[in-house]
C-alpha atoms as a PDB file:
ATOM      1  CA  MET A   1     119.684-189.016-142.658  1.00  0.00           C
ATOM      2  CA  LYS A   2     122.531-187.189-144.396  1.00  0.00           C
ATOM      3  CA  ASN A   3     122.140-183.817-146.047  1.00  0.00           C
ATOM      4  CA  THR A   4     122.443-185.425-149.492  1.00  0.00           C
ATOM      5  CA  GLN A   5     119.461-187.621-148.642  1.00  0.00           C
ATOM      6  CA  ILE A   6     117.573-184.605-147.318  1.00  0.00           C
ATOM      7  CA  ILE A   7     118.309-182.672-150.503  1.00  0.00           C
ATOM      8  CA  LYS A   8     117.093-185.492-152.739  1.00  0.00           C
ATOM      9  CA  LYS A   9     113.933-185.986-150.697  1.00  0.00           C
ATOM     10  CA  LEU A  10     113.147-182.258-150.545  1.00  0.00           C
ATOM     11  CA  LEU A  11     113.545-181.917-154.299  1.00  0.00           C
ATOM     12  CA  SER A  12     111.382-184.980-154.820  1.00  0.00           C
ATOM     13  CA  SER A  13     108.784-183.551-152.429  1.00  0.00           C
ATOM     14  CA  MET A  14     108.739-180.277-154.365  1.00  0.00           C
ATOM     15  CA  ASP A  15     108.246-182.191-157.593  1.00  0.00           C
ATOM     16  CA  ASN A  16     105.389-184.186-156.060  1.00  0.00           C
ATOM     17  CA  ASP A  17     103.839-180.973-154.771  1.00  0.00           C
ATOM     18  CA  GLN A  18     103.868-179.382-158.204  1.00  0.00           C
ATOM     19  CA  LYS A  19     102.464-182.513-159.846  1.00  0.00           C
ATOM     20  CA  SER A  20      99.665-182.593-157.272  1.00  0.00           C
ATOM     21  CA  LEU A  21      98.383-179.188-158.421  1.00  0.00           C
ATOM     22  CA  THR A  22      96.351-180.929-161.117  1.00  0.00           C
ATOM     23  CA  LYS A  23      95.028-183.678-158.853  1.00  0.00           C
ATOM     24  CA  LYS A  24      91.826-183.948-156.842  1.00  0.00           C
ATOM     25  CA  GLU A  25      91.816-181.894-153.654  1.00  0.00           C
ATOM     26  CA  GLU A  26      91.983-184.897-151.311  1.00  0.00           C
ATOM     27  CA  ASP A  27      94.947-186.341-153.230  1.00  0.00           C
ATOM     28  CA  ARG A  28      96.698-182.979-153.126  1.00  0.00           C
ATOM     29  CA  LEU A  29      96.136-182.704-149.380  1.00  0.00           C
ATOM     30  CA  LEU A  30      97.719-186.128-148.873  1.00  0.00           C
ATOM     31  CA  VAL A  31     100.829-184.999-150.748  1.00  0.00           C
ATOM     32  CA  ILE A  32     100.986-181.776-148.731  1.00  0.00           C
ATOM     33  CA  GLU A  33     100.617-183.631-145.431  1.00  0.00           C
ATOM     34  CA  LYS A  34     103.268-186.194-146.344  1.00  0.00           C
ATOM     35  CA  ASN A  35     105.653-183.409-147.349  1.00  0.00           C
ATOM     36  CA  LYS A  36     104.953-181.506-144.135  1.00  0.00           C
ATOM     37  CA  ILE A  37     105.710-184.563-142.004  1.00  0.00           C
ATOM     38  CA  PHE A  38     109.017-184.971-143.803  1.00  0.00           C
ATOM     39  CA  LEU A  39     109.912-181.286-143.401  1.00  0.00           C
ATOM     40  CA  LYS A  40     109.189-181.509-139.669  1.00  0.00           C
ATOM     41  CA  LYS A  41     111.705-184.363-139.443  1.00  0.00           C
ATOM     42  CA  VAL A  42     114.257-182.299-141.349  1.00  0.00           C
ATOM     43  CA  ILE A  43     113.741-179.317-139.050  1.00  0.00           C
ATOM     44  CA  ASN A  44     114.146-181.536-135.992  1.00  0.00           C
ATOM     45  CA  LYS A  45     117.410-182.866-137.407  1.00  0.00           C
ATOM     46  CA  ILE A  46     119.128-179.803-138.922  1.00  0.00           C
ATOM     47  CA  GLY A  47     116.950-176.801-138.081  1.00  0.00           C
ATOM     48  CA  TRP A  48     115.587-174.744-140.949  1.00  0.00           C
ATOM     49  CA  PRO A  49     117.095-176.136-144.172  1.00  0.00           C
ATOM     50  CA  THR A  50     119.064-173.069-145.184  1.00  0.00           C
ATOM     51  CA  ILE A  51     120.989-172.433-148.376  1.00  0.00           C
ATOM     52  CA  ASP A  52     124.337-173.017-146.667  1.00  0.00           C
ATOM     53  CA  LYS A  53     123.173-176.405-145.331  1.00  0.00           C
ATOM     54  CA  ILE A  54     121.443-177.871-148.386  1.00  0.00           C
ATOM     55  CA  GLY A  55     121.727-175.450-151.303  1.00  0.00           C
ATOM     56  CA  GLU A  56     119.349-172.929-152.801  1.00  0.00           C
ATOM     57  CA  GLU A  57     117.024-175.276-154.688  1.00  0.00           C
ATOM     58  CA  ALA A  58     116.457-177.665-151.784  1.00  0.00           C
ATOM     59  CA  SER A  59     115.993-174.730-149.410  1.00  0.00           C
ATOM     60  CA  LYS A  60     113.355-173.384-151.795  1.00  0.00           C
ATOM     61  CA  ALA A  61     111.702-176.806-151.774  1.00  0.00           C
ATOM     62  CA  ALA A  62     111.484-176.655-147.979  1.00  0.00           C
ATOM     63  CA  TRP A  63     109.862-173.235-148.226  1.00  0.00           C
ATOM     64  CA  LEU A  64     107.353-174.525-150.789  1.00  0.00           C
ATOM     65  CA  ILE A  65     106.308-177.289-148.429  1.00  0.00           C
ATOM     66  CA  ALA A  66     105.752-174.730-145.671  1.00  0.00           C
ATOM     67  CA  GLN A  67     103.992-172.352-148.063  1.00  0.00           C
ATOM     68  CA  HIS A  68     101.515-175.010-149.139  1.00  0.00           C
ATOM     69  CA  SER A  69     100.836-176.290-145.610  1.00  0.00           C
ATOM     70  CA  ASP A  70      97.829-173.990-145.372  1.00  0.00           C
ATOM     71  CA  HIS A  71      95.930-176.450-143.196  1.00  0.00           C
ATOM     72  CA  ASP A  72      98.526-175.970-140.425  1.00  0.00           C
ATOM     73  CA  ILE A  73      99.129-172.283-139.741  1.00  0.00           C
ATOM     74  CA  ILE A  74     101.021-173.101-136.540  1.00  0.00           C
ATOM     75  CA  PHE A  75     103.542-175.041-138.605  1.00  0.00           C
ATOM     76  CA  GLN A  76     103.719-172.212-141.138  1.00  0.00           C
ATOM     77  CA  LYS A  77     104.394-169.707-138.361  1.00  0.00           C
ATOM     78  CA  LYS A  78     107.138-171.921-136.944  1.00  0.00           C
ATOM     79  CA  CYS A  79     108.750-172.147-140.375  1.00  0.00           C
ATOM     80  CA  LEU A  80     108.495-168.385-140.856  1.00  0.00           C
ATOM     81  CA  LYS A  81     110.162-167.791-137.495  1.00  0.00           C
ATOM     82  CA  LEU A  82     112.978-170.201-138.347  1.00  0.00           C
ATOM     83  CA  MET A  83     113.436-168.614-141.766  1.00  0.00           C
ATOM     84  CA  LYS A  84     113.635-165.134-140.248  1.00  0.00           C
ATOM     85  CA  GLU A  85     116.146-166.353-137.663  1.00  0.00           C
ATOM     86  CA  SER A  86     118.364-167.618-140.478  1.00  0.00           C
ATOM     87  CA  ILE A  87     117.859-164.633-142.790  1.00  0.00           C
ATOM     88  CA  LYS A  88     121.511-164.588-143.881  1.00  0.00           C
ATOM     89  CA  ASN A  89     121.116-168.044-145.409  1.00  0.00           C
ATOM     90  CA  THR A  90     117.492-167.870-146.522  1.00  0.00           C
ATOM     91  CA  ASN A  91     116.038-166.135-149.554  1.00  0.00           C
ATOM     92  CA  PRO A  92     114.194-163.076-148.155  1.00  0.00           C
ATOM     93  CA  VAL A  93     111.715-163.138-151.037  1.00  0.00           C
ATOM     94  CA  LEU A  94     110.529-166.554-149.899  1.00  0.00           C
ATOM     95  CA  ILE A  95     110.098-165.186-146.389  1.00  0.00           C
ATOM     96  CA  ALA A  96     107.876-162.452-147.855  1.00  0.00           C
ATOM     97  CA  TYR A  97     105.692-165.016-149.626  1.00  0.00           C
ATOM     98  CA  LEU A  98     105.206-167.093-146.486  1.00  0.00           C
ATOM     99  CA  GLU A  99     104.608-164.041-144.331  1.00  0.00           C
ATOM    100  CA  ASP A 100     101.952-162.800-146.760  1.00  0.00           C
ATOM    101  CA  ARG A 101     100.328-166.215-146.878  1.00  0.00           C
ATOM    102  CA  ILE A 102      99.978-166.224-143.101  1.00  0.00           C
ATOM    103  CA  LEU A 103      98.846-162.590-142.923  1.00  0.00           C
ATOM    104  CA  VAL A 104      96.105-163.151-145.503  1.00  0.00           C
ATOM    105  CA  LYS A 105      94.765-166.044-143.451  1.00  0.00           C
ATOM    106  CA  GLU A 106      94.940-164.161-140.177  1.00  0.00           C
ATOM    107  CA  SER A 107      93.948-160.606-141.048  1.00  0.00           C
ATOM    108  CA  GLY A 108      93.079-160.655-144.726  1.00  0.00           C
ATOM    109  CA  LYS A 109      95.824-158.111-145.487  1.00  0.00           C
ATOM    110  CA  GLN A 110      99.265-158.867-146.824  1.00  0.00           C
ATOM    111  CA  LYS A 111     102.492-156.892-146.608  1.00  0.00           C
ATOM    112  CA  TYR A 112     104.345-157.623-149.882  1.00  0.00           C
ATOM    113  CA  GLY A 113     101.565-158.234-152.399  1.00  0.00           C
ATOM    114  CA  THR A 114     102.448-161.842-153.190  1.00  0.00           C
ATOM    115  CA  GLN A 115      99.096-163.546-152.624  1.00  0.00           C
ATOM    116  CA  PHE A 116      96.342-163.606-155.240  1.00  0.00           C
ATOM    117  CA  TYR A 117      92.995-165.182-155.981  1.00  0.00           C
ATOM    118  CA  LEU A 118      91.341-165.861-159.315  1.00  0.00           C
ATOM    119  CA  GLU A 119      88.291-163.793-160.219  1.00  0.00           C
ATOM    120  CA  LYS A 120      86.653-163.932-163.646  1.00  0.00           C
ATOM    121  CA  GLY A 121      89.824-165.213-165.280  1.00  0.00           C
ATOM    122  CA  LYS A 122      92.072-162.535-163.755  1.00  0.00           C
ATOM    123  CA  TRP A 123      94.411-162.755-160.810  1.00  0.00           C
ATOM    124  CA  ARG A 124      93.519-160.248-158.120  1.00  0.00           C
ATOM    125  CA  PRO A 125      95.664-159.484-155.083  1.00  0.00           C
ATOM    126  CA  TYR A 126      94.340-159.941-151.611  1.00  0.00           C
ATOM    127  CA  PRO A 127      94.191-156.585-149.799  1.00  0.00           C
ATOM    128  CA  ILE A 128      97.580-155.028-149.082  1.00  0.00           C
ATOM    129  CA  ARG A 129      98.593-153.111-145.958  1.00  0.00           C
ATOM    130  CA  PHE A 130     100.097-149.682-146.483  1.00  0.00           C
ATOM    131  CA  ILE A 131      99.793-149.775-150.265  1.00  0.00           C
ATOM    132  CA  LYS A 132     101.691-146.476-150.694  1.00  0.00           C
ATOM    133  CA  THR A 133     104.935-148.035-149.466  1.00  0.00           C
ATOM    134  CA  LEU A 134     104.426-151.451-151.073  1.00  0.00           C
ATOM    135  CA  ASP A 135     107.009-151.024-153.822  1.00  0.00           C
ATOM    136  CA  LYS A 136     109.613-149.807-151.310  1.00  0.00           C
ATOM    137  CA  ARG A 137     109.093-152.967-149.250  1.00  0.00           C
ATOM    138  CA  ARG A 138     109.294-155.114-152.364  1.00  0.00           C
ATOM    139  CA  GLU A 139     112.396-153.305-153.608  1.00  0.00           C
ATOM    140  CA  SER A 140     114.143-153.785-150.252  1.00  0.00           C
ATOM    141  CA  LEU A 141     113.962-157.543-150.895  1.00  0.00           C
ATOM    142  CA  GLY A 142     114.978-157.350-154.544  1.00  0.00           C
ATOM    143  CA  MET A 143     111.449-157.949-155.812  1.00  0.00           C
ATOM    144  CA  SER A 144     109.960-156.326-158.900  1.00  0.00           C
ATOM    145  CA  THR A 145     107.400-153.563-158.546  1.00  0.00           C
ATOM    146  CA  PHE A 146     103.917-154.716-157.734  1.00  0.00           C
ATOM    147  CA  ASN A 147     102.556-153.653-161.136  1.00  0.00           C
ATOM    148  CA  GLU A 148     105.270-155.636-162.926  1.00  0.00           C
ATOM    149  CA  TYR A 149     104.453-158.652-160.781  1.00  0.00           C
ATOM    150  CA  LEU A 150     100.735-158.307-161.466  1.00  0.00           C
ATOM    151  CA  LYS A 151     101.412-158.319-165.221  1.00  0.00           C
ATOM    152  CA  ILE A 152     103.545-161.449-164.863  1.00  0.00           C
ATOM    153  CA  MET A 153     100.855-163.159-162.791  1.00  0.00           C
ATOM    154  CA  ASN A 154      98.187-162.508-165.375  1.00  0.00           C
ATOM    155  CA  LYS A 155     100.392-163.575-168.308  1.00  0.00           C
ATOM    156  CA  LYS A 156     101.730-166.679-166.612  1.00  0.00           C
ATOM    157  CA  HIS A 157      98.435-167.981-165.295  1.00  0.00           C
ATOM    158  CA  LYS A 158      96.042-167.422-168.184  1.00  0.00           C
END
């Protein structure tokens, strides 16, 4: 499989993932599993699909597949490790999202304030470690302040 084929398939997988958000849970899980199997093949062939290997959009698609593979935390952890190892060619903001996703599942507390749940029509963040230094951590990755992000979340997802 050539990188052009990988790029096309990753972008298609991302599109399928986003379309599955409105589907029944079991249908969504099938899409997620199929995407995960494909990403595993990609990783076995080229390592983590970094920006320099496949471009920014396809690399983001790979991250999205990992991010949504909640049923397989071992796979998510492997992807996070690979992303961190290739930090120079991986968007650090995406690393933060995946790291938070894993942390919320494991300890209930996130590091960057990227993970939310819906409560009474409002998006609420899962608990955040060391809240006083949250915006410094976010800023170090080029992220907006947490309060700005919270406003965006609640506008975007009404």
